[in-house]
N, C-alpha and C. Protein backbone atom coordinates (compact mmCIF):
# COMPACT_ATOMS: atom_id res chain seq x y z
N MET A 1 0.99 -1.22 -0.02
CA MET A 1 -0.03 -0.02 -0.03
C MET A 1 0.87 1.25 -0.04
N ARG A 2 0.56 2.17 -0.93
CA ARG A 2 1.41 3.40 -0.99
C ARG A 2 0.63 4.55 -0.39
N PHE A 3 1.39 5.24 0.45
CA PHE A 3 0.72 6.47 1.11
C PHE A 3 0.96 7.76 0.25
N ALA A 4 0.13 8.74 0.26
CA ALA A 4 0.47 9.98 -0.27
C ALA A 4 1.71 10.53 0.35
N PRO A 5 2.48 11.38 -0.54
CA PRO A 5 3.84 11.74 0.10
C PRO A 5 3.69 12.68 1.36
N HIS A 6 2.66 13.48 1.55
CA HIS A 6 2.48 14.27 2.74
C HIS A 6 2.12 13.42 3.93
N LEU A 7 1.31 12.39 3.66
CA LEU A 7 0.89 11.55 4.79
C LEU A 7 2.10 10.54 5.23
N ALA A 8 2.82 10.12 4.31
CA ALA A 8 4.02 9.37 4.69
C ALA A 8 4.99 10.16 5.49
N ALA A 9 5.22 11.39 5.08
CA ALA A 9 6.10 12.30 5.84
C ALA A 9 5.61 12.51 7.30
N CYS A 10 4.25 12.64 7.43
CA CYS A 10 3.78 12.92 8.73
C CYS A 10 3.96 11.72 9.64
N LEU A 11 3.78 10.56 9.05
CA LEU A 11 4.14 9.33 9.82
C LEU A 11 5.48 9.08 10.25
N VAL A 12 6.40 9.47 9.28
CA VAL A 12 7.77 9.54 9.60
C VAL A 12 8.13 10.37 10.77
N LEU A 13 7.58 11.64 10.79
CA LEU A 13 7.76 12.66 11.78
C LEU A 13 7.32 12.06 13.11
N ALA A 14 6.12 11.37 13.09
CA ALA A 14 5.53 10.91 14.33
C ALA A 14 6.40 9.80 15.08
N PHE A 15 7.05 9.00 14.25
CA PHE A 15 7.74 7.70 14.78
C PHE A 15 9.12 7.72 14.65
N GLN A 16 9.86 8.92 14.15
CA GLN A 16 11.24 8.83 14.00
C GLN A 16 11.82 10.24 14.54
N PRO A 17 12.96 10.15 15.20
CA PRO A 17 13.54 11.46 15.61
C PRO A 17 13.79 12.40 14.43
N LEU A 18 13.52 13.61 14.51
CA LEU A 18 13.83 14.62 13.43
C LEU A 18 15.22 14.55 12.92
N ALA A 19 16.11 14.36 13.74
CA ALA A 19 17.57 14.32 13.26
C ALA A 19 17.80 13.11 12.25
N ALA A 20 16.96 12.05 12.46
CA ALA A 20 17.15 10.86 11.65
C ALA A 20 16.40 11.05 10.34
N LEU A 21 15.54 12.02 10.04
CA LEU A 21 14.86 12.17 8.82
C LEU A 21 15.77 12.07 7.60
N ALA A 22 15.24 11.48 6.52
CA ALA A 22 16.09 11.35 5.30
C ALA A 22 16.35 12.69 4.58
N SER A 23 15.37 13.69 4.84
CA SER A 23 15.53 14.94 4.07
C SER A 23 14.82 16.01 4.80
N VAL A 24 15.24 17.18 4.42
CA VAL A 24 14.60 18.37 4.88
C VAL A 24 13.17 18.42 4.39
N GLU A 25 12.92 18.04 3.15
CA GLU A 25 11.60 18.09 2.60
C GLU A 25 10.59 17.19 3.39
N GLU A 26 10.98 16.05 4.03
CA GLU A 26 10.21 15.23 4.82
C GLU A 26 9.84 16.10 6.10
N ALA A 27 10.76 16.70 6.67
CA ALA A 27 10.57 17.43 7.89
C ALA A 27 9.51 18.54 7.64
N VAL A 28 9.69 19.22 6.59
CA VAL A 28 9.02 20.49 6.34
C VAL A 28 7.44 20.14 6.01
N VAL A 29 7.36 19.02 5.13
CA VAL A 29 6.04 18.59 4.79
C VAL A 29 5.30 18.18 5.95
N ALA A 30 5.95 17.34 6.91
CA ALA A 30 5.31 16.92 8.11
C ALA A 30 4.80 18.08 8.99
N LEU A 31 5.72 18.99 9.16
CA LEU A 31 5.26 20.30 10.04
C LEU A 31 4.33 20.94 9.42
N GLN A 32 4.24 21.28 8.11
CA GLN A 32 3.28 22.08 7.62
C GLN A 32 1.92 21.31 7.68
N HIS A 33 1.93 20.01 7.41
CA HIS A 33 0.64 19.33 7.52
C HIS A 33 0.01 19.27 8.91
N GLU A 34 0.89 19.08 9.93
CA GLU A 34 0.51 19.14 11.30
C GLU A 34 -0.14 20.55 11.60
N TRP A 35 0.66 21.55 11.13
CA TRP A 35 0.12 22.93 11.30
C TRP A 35 -1.25 23.22 10.75
N GLU A 36 -1.56 22.65 9.61
CA GLU A 36 -2.78 22.77 8.94
C GLU A 36 -3.86 22.16 9.81
N ILE A 37 -3.58 21.01 10.28
CA ILE A 37 -4.61 20.39 11.06
C ILE A 37 -4.92 21.22 12.36
N ILE A 38 -3.93 21.77 13.05
CA ILE A 38 -4.14 22.50 14.20
C ILE A 38 -4.92 23.81 13.82
N LYS A 39 -4.46 24.58 12.81
CA LYS A 39 -4.98 25.82 12.40
C LYS A 39 -6.42 25.68 11.98
N TYR A 40 -6.69 24.66 11.11
CA TYR A 40 -8.10 24.65 10.46
C TYR A 40 -8.92 23.56 10.93
N GLN A 41 -8.51 22.61 11.71
CA GLN A 41 -9.43 21.52 12.08
C GLN A 41 -9.43 21.29 13.62
N THR A 42 -8.74 22.10 14.35
CA THR A 42 -8.72 21.87 15.86
C THR A 42 -9.48 23.00 16.61
N PRO A 43 -10.21 22.70 17.49
CA PRO A 43 -10.96 23.73 18.37
C PRO A 43 -9.92 24.75 18.87
N GLU A 44 -10.36 26.13 18.84
CA GLU A 44 -9.40 27.21 19.21
C GLU A 44 -8.98 27.00 20.72
N LYS A 45 -9.78 26.48 21.56
CA LYS A 45 -9.37 26.32 22.93
C LYS A 45 -8.04 25.38 23.07
N GLU A 46 -8.00 24.59 22.09
CA GLU A 46 -7.03 23.47 22.06
C GLU A 46 -5.63 23.86 21.32
N GLN A 47 -5.86 25.03 20.62
CA GLN A 47 -4.72 25.39 19.63
C GLN A 47 -3.37 25.84 20.30
N GLU A 48 -3.55 26.43 21.31
CA GLU A 48 -2.28 27.02 22.09
C GLU A 48 -1.31 25.95 22.50
N LYS A 49 -1.84 24.90 23.14
CA LYS A 49 -0.96 23.89 23.60
C LYS A 49 -0.48 23.02 22.39
N ARG A 50 -1.37 22.87 21.29
CA ARG A 50 -0.90 22.06 20.16
C ARG A 50 0.17 22.85 19.46
N PHE A 51 0.00 24.16 19.22
CA PHE A 51 1.13 24.89 18.75
C PHE A 51 2.47 24.91 19.33
N GLU A 52 2.32 24.92 20.75
CA GLU A 52 3.50 24.94 21.54
C GLU A 52 4.16 23.59 21.32
N ALA A 53 3.53 22.53 21.30
CA ALA A 53 4.15 21.18 21.16
C ALA A 53 4.85 21.11 19.77
N LEU A 54 4.16 21.67 18.72
CA LEU A 54 4.56 21.53 17.33
C LEU A 54 5.81 22.53 17.19
N ALA A 55 5.85 23.68 17.92
CA ALA A 55 6.98 24.45 17.92
C ALA A 55 8.22 23.77 18.44
N ALA A 56 8.15 22.89 19.42
CA ALA A 56 9.29 22.09 19.88
C ALA A 56 9.90 21.08 18.72
N LYS A 57 8.90 20.59 18.02
CA LYS A 57 9.28 19.69 16.82
C LYS A 57 9.99 20.51 15.74
N ALA A 58 9.37 21.71 15.50
CA ALA A 58 9.93 22.59 14.40
C ALA A 58 11.32 23.02 14.76
N HIS A 59 11.62 23.28 16.12
CA HIS A 59 12.87 23.61 16.54
C HIS A 59 13.93 22.55 16.42
N LYS A 60 13.57 21.34 16.63
CA LYS A 60 14.40 20.21 16.34
C LYS A 60 14.69 20.16 14.89
N ALA A 61 13.71 20.36 14.04
CA ALA A 61 13.99 20.27 12.58
C ALA A 61 14.98 21.30 12.21
N SER A 62 14.85 22.64 12.68
CA SER A 62 15.82 23.64 12.42
C SER A 62 17.20 23.30 12.77
N GLN A 63 17.20 22.73 13.95
CA GLN A 63 18.58 22.14 14.44
C GLN A 63 19.17 21.06 13.68
N ALA A 64 18.35 20.16 13.25
CA ALA A 64 18.76 18.99 12.34
C ALA A 64 19.30 19.41 10.92
N PHE A 65 18.82 20.56 10.43
CA PHE A 65 19.22 20.98 9.14
C PHE A 65 19.60 22.54 9.22
N PRO A 66 20.73 22.76 9.86
CA PRO A 66 20.99 24.21 10.24
C PRO A 66 21.35 25.03 9.06
N ASP A 67 21.62 24.46 7.89
CA ASP A 67 22.06 25.10 6.67
C ASP A 67 20.85 25.44 5.68
N ARG A 68 19.71 25.03 6.20
CA ARG A 68 18.56 25.14 5.36
C ARG A 68 17.53 26.15 5.83
N ALA A 69 16.90 27.02 4.94
CA ALA A 69 15.96 28.04 5.33
C ALA A 69 14.63 27.54 5.65
N GLU A 70 14.25 26.48 4.95
CA GLU A 70 12.77 25.93 5.08
C GLU A 70 12.34 25.69 6.44
N PRO A 71 13.04 24.96 7.26
CA PRO A 71 12.63 24.63 8.55
C PRO A 71 12.48 25.94 9.48
N LEU A 72 13.35 26.81 9.21
CA LEU A 72 13.33 28.16 9.97
C LEU A 72 12.00 28.88 9.60
N VAL A 73 11.71 28.83 8.33
CA VAL A 73 10.37 29.54 7.97
C VAL A 73 9.17 28.91 8.71
N TRP A 74 9.21 27.56 8.76
CA TRP A 74 8.14 26.88 9.39
C TRP A 74 8.15 26.92 10.77
N GLU A 75 9.34 26.96 11.48
CA GLU A 75 9.40 27.30 12.83
C GLU A 75 8.84 28.65 13.21
N GLY A 76 9.09 29.55 12.36
CA GLY A 76 8.58 30.94 12.42
C GLY A 76 7.03 30.91 12.30
N ILE A 77 6.52 30.25 11.32
CA ILE A 77 5.05 30.28 11.02
C ILE A 77 4.39 29.55 12.29
N ILE A 78 5.03 28.47 12.86
CA ILE A 78 4.36 27.82 13.95
C ILE A 78 4.45 28.62 15.29
N VAL A 79 5.45 29.27 15.53
CA VAL A 79 5.60 30.16 16.59
C VAL A 79 4.72 31.38 16.55
N SER A 80 4.63 31.91 15.36
CA SER A 80 3.69 33.06 15.11
C SER A 80 2.26 32.58 15.42
N SER A 81 1.90 31.31 14.97
CA SER A 81 0.51 30.89 15.15
C SER A 81 0.28 30.58 16.74
N TRP A 82 1.21 30.15 17.39
CA TRP A 82 1.27 29.89 18.83
C TRP A 82 0.94 31.27 19.53
N ALA A 83 1.73 32.35 19.10
CA ALA A 83 1.46 33.67 19.68
C ALA A 83 0.07 34.14 19.38
N GLY A 84 -0.50 33.95 18.21
CA GLY A 84 -1.94 34.24 17.84
C GLY A 84 -2.85 33.56 18.76
N ALA A 85 -2.56 32.27 18.99
CA ALA A 85 -3.53 31.45 19.82
C ALA A 85 -3.46 31.92 21.28
N LYS A 86 -2.20 32.30 21.68
CA LYS A 86 -1.86 32.75 23.11
C LYS A 86 -2.53 33.99 23.35
N GLY A 87 -2.37 35.00 22.56
CA GLY A 87 -2.82 36.39 22.66
C GLY A 87 -2.22 37.16 23.91
N GLY A 88 -2.63 38.34 24.07
CA GLY A 88 -2.21 39.21 25.15
C GLY A 88 -0.55 39.59 25.19
N ILE A 89 -0.25 40.06 26.21
CA ILE A 89 1.19 40.57 26.22
C ILE A 89 2.20 39.42 26.15
N GLY A 90 1.79 38.28 26.60
CA GLY A 90 2.68 37.10 26.54
C GLY A 90 3.01 36.60 25.10
N ALA A 91 2.13 37.05 24.23
CA ALA A 91 2.42 36.72 22.88
C ALA A 91 3.57 37.48 22.15
N LEU A 92 3.95 38.58 22.64
CA LEU A 92 4.92 39.41 22.23
C LEU A 92 6.26 38.77 22.08
N GLY A 93 6.66 38.18 23.16
CA GLY A 93 7.90 37.38 23.24
C GLY A 93 8.04 36.35 22.12
N LEU A 94 6.90 35.61 21.85
CA LEU A 94 6.81 34.59 20.79
C LEU A 94 6.97 35.32 19.42
N ALA A 95 6.29 36.42 19.24
CA ALA A 95 6.38 37.24 18.02
C ALA A 95 7.79 37.46 17.68
N LYS A 96 8.52 37.97 18.67
CA LYS A 96 9.94 38.29 18.53
C LYS A 96 10.74 36.97 18.18
N ARG A 97 10.45 35.96 18.65
CA ARG A 97 11.08 34.66 18.30
C ARG A 97 10.86 34.30 16.93
N ALA A 98 9.63 34.42 16.43
CA ALA A 98 9.26 34.20 15.07
C ALA A 98 10.04 35.04 14.08
N LYS A 99 10.10 36.41 14.54
CA LYS A 99 10.72 37.35 13.67
C LYS A 99 12.26 36.89 13.56
N ALA A 100 12.77 36.49 14.46
CA ALA A 100 14.22 36.02 14.45
C ALA A 100 14.40 34.87 13.47
N HIS A 101 13.39 33.97 13.50
CA HIS A 101 13.47 32.75 12.54
C HIS A 101 13.27 33.25 11.14
N TYR A 102 12.38 34.07 10.86
CA TYR A 102 12.17 34.49 9.46
C TYR A 102 13.36 35.32 8.97
N GLU A 103 14.03 36.15 9.84
CA GLU A 103 15.24 36.94 9.39
C GLU A 103 16.40 35.98 9.07
N ALA A 104 16.47 34.93 9.91
CA ALA A 104 17.58 33.80 9.79
C ALA A 104 17.31 33.18 8.38
N ALA A 105 16.13 32.87 8.14
CA ALA A 105 15.75 32.19 6.83
C ALA A 105 16.09 33.07 5.60
N ILE A 106 15.77 34.42 5.78
CA ILE A 106 16.10 35.22 4.65
C ILE A 106 17.57 35.41 4.39
N LYS A 107 18.30 35.34 5.45
CA LYS A 107 19.82 35.54 5.30
C LYS A 107 20.34 34.25 4.49
N ILE A 108 19.77 33.07 4.81
CA ILE A 108 20.19 31.82 4.09
C ILE A 108 19.64 31.87 2.66
N LYS A 109 18.47 32.09 2.40
CA LYS A 109 17.88 32.05 1.03
C LYS A 109 16.60 33.05 1.00
N PRO A 110 16.88 34.23 0.60
CA PRO A 110 15.67 35.22 0.59
C PRO A 110 14.37 34.81 0.07
N ASP A 111 14.34 34.12 -1.05
CA ASP A 111 13.10 33.77 -1.69
C ASP A 111 12.59 32.36 -1.39
N VAL A 112 13.14 31.88 -0.24
CA VAL A 112 12.71 30.52 0.15
C VAL A 112 11.19 30.28 0.16
N LEU A 113 10.81 29.13 -0.22
CA LEU A 113 9.44 28.69 -0.16
C LEU A 113 8.51 29.72 -0.84
N ASP A 114 8.96 30.26 -2.10
CA ASP A 114 8.09 31.04 -2.88
C ASP A 114 7.74 32.50 -2.10
N GLY A 115 8.84 32.92 -1.32
CA GLY A 115 8.77 34.25 -0.69
C GLY A 115 8.01 34.17 0.69
N SER A 116 7.88 32.93 1.22
CA SER A 116 7.14 32.80 2.47
C SER A 116 7.76 33.51 3.64
N ALA A 117 9.14 33.54 3.53
CA ALA A 117 9.72 34.29 4.73
C ALA A 117 9.46 35.83 4.64
N TYR A 118 9.48 36.37 3.60
CA TYR A 118 9.05 37.87 3.39
C TYR A 118 7.50 37.99 3.76
N ASN A 119 6.72 37.16 3.31
CA ASN A 119 5.31 37.33 3.57
C ASN A 119 4.94 37.10 5.00
N SER A 120 5.59 36.15 5.61
CA SER A 120 5.23 35.87 7.12
C SER A 120 5.75 36.93 7.99
N LEU A 121 7.01 37.44 7.64
CA LEU A 121 7.63 38.56 8.48
C LEU A 121 6.81 39.83 8.24
N GLY A 122 6.35 40.09 7.05
CA GLY A 122 5.44 41.27 6.79
C GLY A 122 4.24 41.23 7.60
N VAL A 123 3.60 40.06 7.70
CA VAL A 123 2.41 39.88 8.61
C VAL A 123 2.74 40.21 9.94
N LEU A 124 3.86 39.80 10.53
CA LEU A 124 4.14 40.13 11.95
C LEU A 124 4.28 41.74 12.09
N TYR A 125 4.91 42.31 11.05
CA TYR A 125 5.10 43.79 11.14
C TYR A 125 3.76 44.50 11.20
N TYR A 126 2.81 44.05 10.66
CA TYR A 126 1.51 44.78 10.71
C TYR A 126 0.57 44.25 11.90
N LYS A 127 0.82 43.13 12.34
CA LYS A 127 0.00 42.62 13.48
C LYS A 127 0.56 43.03 14.96
N VAL A 128 1.91 43.08 15.00
CA VAL A 128 2.49 43.37 16.27
C VAL A 128 2.40 44.89 16.48
N PRO A 129 2.17 45.20 17.84
CA PRO A 129 2.20 46.76 18.12
C PRO A 129 3.52 47.42 17.84
N GLY A 130 3.48 48.64 17.49
CA GLY A 130 4.73 49.49 17.25
C GLY A 130 5.33 49.85 18.57
N TRP A 131 6.36 50.52 18.48
CA TRP A 131 7.12 51.13 19.66
C TRP A 131 6.19 51.99 20.43
N PRO A 132 6.23 51.91 21.86
CA PRO A 132 7.35 51.21 22.60
C PRO A 132 7.12 49.82 23.01
N LEU A 133 5.90 49.37 22.63
CA LEU A 133 5.47 47.96 23.09
C LEU A 133 6.25 46.81 22.20
N GLY A 134 6.22 47.07 20.87
CA GLY A 134 6.63 45.97 20.00
C GLY A 134 7.43 46.61 18.86
N PHE A 135 7.60 45.88 17.81
CA PHE A 135 8.40 46.24 16.66
C PHE A 135 7.65 46.54 15.46
N GLY A 136 6.26 46.62 15.62
CA GLY A 136 5.37 46.75 14.45
C GLY A 136 5.69 47.99 13.59
N SER A 137 5.47 47.86 12.33
CA SER A 137 5.75 49.00 11.42
C SER A 137 4.88 48.75 10.18
N ASP A 138 4.04 49.49 9.80
CA ASP A 138 3.25 49.39 8.57
C ASP A 138 4.04 49.55 7.36
N LYS A 139 5.00 50.60 7.43
CA LYS A 139 5.86 50.81 6.26
C LYS A 139 6.71 49.59 5.93
N LYS A 140 7.31 48.89 6.99
CA LYS A 140 8.11 47.76 6.82
C LYS A 140 7.23 46.48 6.40
N ALA A 141 5.98 46.50 6.93
CA ALA A 141 5.14 45.48 6.48
C ALA A 141 4.78 45.56 5.05
N GLN A 142 4.49 46.65 4.53
CA GLN A 142 4.11 46.96 3.13
C GLN A 142 5.38 46.46 2.24
N GLU A 143 6.56 46.85 2.65
CA GLU A 143 7.80 46.50 1.84
C GLU A 143 7.90 44.98 1.76
N LEU A 144 7.86 44.34 2.81
CA LEU A 144 8.03 42.89 2.84
C LEU A 144 6.89 42.22 2.10
N LEU A 145 5.64 42.60 2.36
CA LEU A 145 4.58 41.90 1.60
C LEU A 145 4.60 42.13 0.17
N GLN A 146 5.06 43.27 -0.32
CA GLN A 146 5.28 43.48 -1.79
C GLN A 146 6.45 42.63 -2.24
N LYS A 147 7.46 42.39 -1.55
CA LYS A 147 8.58 41.51 -1.88
C LYS A 147 8.03 40.05 -2.10
N ALA A 148 7.11 39.65 -1.20
CA ALA A 148 6.59 38.30 -1.35
C ALA A 148 5.66 38.29 -2.51
N LEU A 149 5.07 39.23 -2.94
CA LEU A 149 4.11 39.28 -4.08
C LEU A 149 5.05 39.31 -5.30
N ALA A 150 6.14 39.91 -5.30
CA ALA A 150 7.13 39.98 -6.49
C ALA A 150 7.69 38.57 -6.70
N VAL A 151 7.92 37.76 -5.61
CA VAL A 151 8.33 36.40 -5.83
C VAL A 151 7.27 35.63 -6.32
N ASN A 152 6.05 35.64 -5.75
CA ASN A 152 4.96 34.75 -5.95
C ASN A 152 3.66 35.49 -6.26
N PRO A 153 3.60 36.08 -7.51
CA PRO A 153 2.41 37.00 -7.67
C PRO A 153 1.09 36.35 -7.81
N ARG A 154 1.12 35.03 -8.02
CA ARG A 154 -0.25 34.39 -8.16
C ARG A 154 -0.61 33.57 -6.85
N GLY A 155 0.38 33.70 -5.80
CA GLY A 155 0.20 32.65 -4.66
C GLY A 155 -1.00 33.09 -3.88
N ILE A 156 -1.69 32.14 -3.26
CA ILE A 156 -2.77 32.47 -2.35
C ILE A 156 -2.50 33.28 -1.08
N ASP A 157 -1.34 32.82 -0.43
CA ASP A 157 -0.98 33.51 0.87
C ASP A 157 -0.49 35.00 0.62
N PRO A 158 0.48 35.29 -0.25
CA PRO A 158 0.84 36.67 -0.48
C PRO A 158 -0.25 37.64 -0.92
N ASN A 159 -1.21 37.02 -1.76
CA ASN A 159 -2.41 37.88 -2.08
C ASN A 159 -3.37 38.08 -0.97
N PHE A 160 -3.58 37.08 -0.23
CA PHE A 160 -4.53 37.16 0.96
C PHE A 160 -4.04 38.01 1.86
N PHE A 161 -2.77 37.92 2.37
CA PHE A 161 -2.23 38.82 3.48
C PHE A 161 -2.04 40.25 2.97
N TYR A 162 -1.66 40.53 1.67
CA TYR A 162 -1.64 41.88 1.33
C TYR A 162 -3.02 42.58 1.23
N GLY A 163 -4.01 41.68 0.89
CA GLY A 163 -5.37 42.25 0.98
C GLY A 163 -5.81 42.50 2.38
N GLU A 164 -5.44 41.65 3.20
CA GLU A 164 -5.79 41.82 4.67
C GLU A 164 -5.12 43.07 5.20
N PHE A 165 -3.87 43.21 4.78
CA PHE A 165 -3.07 44.60 5.21
C PHE A 165 -3.75 45.75 4.63
N LEU A 166 -4.26 45.62 3.40
CA LEU A 166 -4.92 46.94 2.84
C LEU A 166 -6.25 47.20 3.52
N VAL A 167 -6.99 46.11 3.86
CA VAL A 167 -8.26 46.26 4.60
C VAL A 167 -7.91 47.09 5.92
N GLU A 168 -6.88 46.50 6.65
CA GLU A 168 -6.66 47.18 7.96
C GLU A 168 -5.97 48.60 7.73
N GLN A 169 -5.44 48.92 6.60
CA GLN A 169 -4.98 50.25 6.30
C GLN A 169 -6.17 51.16 5.86
N GLY A 170 -7.38 50.65 5.88
CA GLY A 170 -8.48 51.48 5.38
C GLY A 170 -8.62 51.63 3.92
N LYS A 171 -8.14 50.65 3.14
CA LYS A 171 -8.24 50.70 1.68
C LYS A 171 -8.86 49.44 1.18
N PRO A 172 -10.13 49.22 1.48
CA PRO A 172 -10.82 48.08 1.06
C PRO A 172 -10.92 47.89 -0.50
N GLY A 173 -11.17 48.99 -1.13
CA GLY A 173 -11.27 49.09 -2.55
C GLY A 173 -10.00 48.35 -3.26
N GLU A 174 -8.88 48.76 -2.77
CA GLU A 174 -7.53 48.22 -3.32
C GLU A 174 -7.39 46.79 -2.90
N ALA A 175 -7.89 46.51 -1.68
CA ALA A 175 -7.78 45.11 -1.08
C ALA A 175 -8.47 44.08 -2.00
N MET A 176 -9.72 44.43 -2.48
CA MET A 176 -10.42 43.45 -3.27
C MET A 176 -9.65 42.87 -4.35
N THR A 177 -8.83 43.52 -5.12
CA THR A 177 -8.20 42.95 -6.15
C THR A 177 -7.18 41.74 -5.77
N TYR A 178 -6.65 41.94 -4.66
CA TYR A 178 -5.68 40.95 -4.10
C TYR A 178 -6.41 39.89 -3.48
N LEU A 179 -7.49 40.02 -2.93
CA LEU A 179 -8.41 38.95 -2.24
C LEU A 179 -9.09 38.14 -3.37
N GLU A 180 -9.39 38.80 -4.53
CA GLU A 180 -9.95 38.02 -5.66
C GLU A 180 -8.85 37.13 -6.26
N ARG A 181 -7.61 37.63 -6.34
CA ARG A 181 -6.55 36.76 -6.74
C ARG A 181 -6.23 35.65 -5.88
N ALA A 182 -6.42 35.84 -4.53
CA ALA A 182 -6.22 34.84 -3.61
C ALA A 182 -7.21 33.61 -3.93
N LEU A 183 -8.36 34.06 -4.19
CA LEU A 183 -9.43 33.03 -4.40
C LEU A 183 -9.27 32.37 -5.72
N GLN A 184 -8.54 32.90 -6.69
CA GLN A 184 -8.26 32.30 -7.98
C GLN A 184 -6.88 31.70 -8.04
N ALA A 185 -6.14 31.72 -6.89
CA ALA A 185 -4.80 31.03 -6.93
C ALA A 185 -4.79 29.65 -7.26
N PRO A 186 -3.73 29.21 -7.96
CA PRO A 186 -3.67 27.71 -8.28
C PRO A 186 -3.41 26.92 -7.07
N PRO A 187 -4.03 25.70 -6.90
CA PRO A 187 -3.85 24.82 -5.82
C PRO A 187 -2.42 24.42 -5.52
N ARG A 188 -2.08 24.22 -4.27
CA ARG A 188 -0.69 23.83 -3.95
C ARG A 188 -0.77 22.34 -3.65
N PRO A 189 0.09 21.49 -4.38
CA PRO A 189 0.14 20.12 -4.16
C PRO A 189 0.43 19.79 -2.65
N GLY A 190 -0.58 18.96 -2.13
CA GLY A 190 -0.37 18.38 -0.79
C GLY A 190 -0.87 19.38 0.23
N ARG A 191 -1.39 20.52 -0.16
CA ARG A 191 -1.84 21.47 0.80
C ARG A 191 -3.41 21.81 0.85
N ASP A 192 -4.11 20.73 0.54
CA ASP A 192 -5.51 20.89 0.35
C ASP A 192 -6.24 21.44 1.57
N ILE A 193 -5.83 21.13 2.75
CA ILE A 193 -6.36 21.66 3.97
C ILE A 193 -6.07 23.13 4.05
N ALA A 194 -4.83 23.64 3.96
CA ALA A 194 -4.53 24.96 4.04
C ALA A 194 -5.14 25.75 2.95
N ASP A 195 -5.21 25.26 1.79
CA ASP A 195 -5.84 26.05 0.55
C ASP A 195 -7.33 26.18 0.87
N ALA A 196 -8.05 25.27 1.34
CA ALA A 196 -9.42 25.38 1.61
C ALA A 196 -9.65 26.39 2.69
N GLY A 197 -8.73 26.22 3.86
CA GLY A 197 -9.02 27.25 4.87
C GLY A 197 -8.75 28.69 4.59
N ARG A 198 -7.67 28.86 3.69
CA ARG A 198 -7.29 30.27 3.42
C ARG A 198 -8.29 30.79 2.35
N ARG A 199 -8.84 29.91 1.41
CA ARG A 199 -9.89 30.49 0.63
C ARG A 199 -11.11 31.00 1.33
N GLU A 200 -11.46 30.18 2.36
CA GLU A 200 -12.62 30.66 3.20
C GLU A 200 -12.31 31.97 3.88
N GLU A 201 -11.16 32.11 4.39
CA GLU A 201 -10.76 33.44 5.01
C GLU A 201 -10.79 34.56 3.99
N ALA A 202 -10.32 34.15 2.82
CA ALA A 202 -10.33 35.31 1.70
C ALA A 202 -11.69 35.65 1.37
N ARG A 203 -12.63 34.58 1.21
CA ARG A 203 -13.95 34.89 0.86
C ARG A 203 -14.74 35.84 1.85
N LYS A 204 -14.47 35.57 3.18
CA LYS A 204 -15.07 36.39 4.17
C LYS A 204 -14.46 37.79 4.22
N LEU A 205 -13.25 37.76 4.05
CA LEU A 205 -12.59 39.24 4.03
C LEU A 205 -13.04 40.06 2.77
N LEU A 206 -13.18 39.35 1.57
CA LEU A 206 -13.65 39.93 0.48
C LEU A 206 -15.03 40.56 0.64
N GLU A 207 -15.86 39.76 1.33
CA GLU A 207 -17.25 40.31 1.58
C GLU A 207 -17.11 41.50 2.41
N GLU A 208 -16.28 41.51 3.46
CA GLU A 208 -16.08 42.65 4.37
C GLU A 208 -15.54 43.84 3.55
N ALA A 209 -14.53 43.66 2.70
CA ALA A 209 -13.97 44.78 1.83
C ALA A 209 -15.08 45.35 0.99
N ARG A 210 -15.91 44.56 0.42
CA ARG A 210 -17.01 45.10 -0.37
C ARG A 210 -17.93 45.83 0.40
N ARG A 211 -18.26 45.43 1.54
CA ARG A 211 -19.16 46.26 2.37
C ARG A 211 -18.65 47.62 2.75
N LYS A 212 -17.30 47.56 3.09
CA LYS A 212 -16.63 48.80 3.43
C LYS A 212 -16.39 49.76 2.35
N SER A 213 -16.31 49.27 1.11
CA SER A 213 -16.07 50.04 -0.06
C SER A 213 -17.28 50.72 -0.68
N SER A 214 -18.52 50.04 -0.35
CA SER A 214 -19.72 50.52 -0.89
C SER A 214 -20.37 51.78 -0.36
């Protein structure tokens, strides 16, 4: 019996130490699949602890493949999601950790994972409070999100998050173009759960943008 590649990788991650994985690709696929399950199929009240546990696995992957940018990006995404689930002032320290992971990934390979490091770091910059509480900056966020779009102009994530950024900037009319592109983005192999969840988020935000611009 043959398993789908992403399922096989998840089983490997579950039953084998990360350092013993055959490839960085196995580690990344397993991490992203478990993240999707937590993000889109797990009750919100359970997500904080699940993301915390997954962050520990992601850190082991980053240590196992120290010269690769991909595990760092996913460690950042998972820690960022943990921060979002945690909320409050305690989330700021996690956001700073995620920022460091993205910056380290960019130093290794700036356009890693179709610009995901730029995109995810840009999201942090517009979601985290600015000085004196945090490092947030709308100017820096826009710069990074546009870099992500330059790398992956048709991608679902860069278009969704730039659209979300524009809605939060009070520009719902401009946001609609990017949210529509997110809904029309080509599917990502092995990312069915994430694509379905992100499309639903884009659909709801597009409805909001239309109401605000009317």
